[in-house]
């Protein structure tokens, strides 16, 4: 069935009001049950990963004139065409997108005990959180567990930084440190004071890595649940790495060891 668009010319339109709430409030998706995807890359990634039908596509007049964006918009259950200024006023981006989707929120998620996982303990920076999700998806970790105090996983800023990684992962948020008792895989942490370097350790698989707040590190309640702490060597000096950089190193090392073990067994 061909979706016929309708034009919206008023900023007071309920759909645009809802859009502005989703764009301006990082946690609005929890109350509204819907998530804002900004830009054709995220919209296409949602569809490629088999996401539910978008409840709405909002597209600029210029975007509607482009066949690729028009076809993308028609995948939604309803389509609204708006002037660029209206779309810009409903977006949190300096350079507003030409298309956005409003899609169903998948909910807070449920911890999968046996999944290779990342545990995020009160990470505040949305860019770091989104980058961590990208690294998880890239290196074969299938679950991300966000403890209370972590940036909202489905907020627009985290979604943009994640570049579609959200749709390839099982995500659970709002967890407490006690919920980690359900993990059936070893939980690992990093510390600049640990004696053993990560490259010298035989990393278990599957496993989980815990990464803490940018300033305070891991909470003691989380650290006590870790079966090992490992050090990332820094021959150039420096007190610590950015948490997203540290995570990428750990997840890469895990993937490298798995690839080496596989090549030796064949």
Foldseek 3Di string as FASTA:
>chain_A
DFADAEEDEDCPPPVLVLLLCLAPDQCVCVVVQKFKFFAPLQLVLCVVLPHDAFQEKEFEPVLCVDVVSVVSRRSHPYYYYYHPVSQVSSHPDPRGYRMMTIGGDPPQFDDDQQFQEEEEAQAEDLLLLLLLLLLCQVLPGAEYEYEPNHRRCRRHSNSVSVSSSVSRHGYHYHHHLVVNVSHPAAEEEEDQPFDAALLRDDDDPRHYYYWYYQVPTDDPSNVVRHPYYHYHDDVVDDDDDGRSVVSSVNSVSVSVSVVVVVVVVD
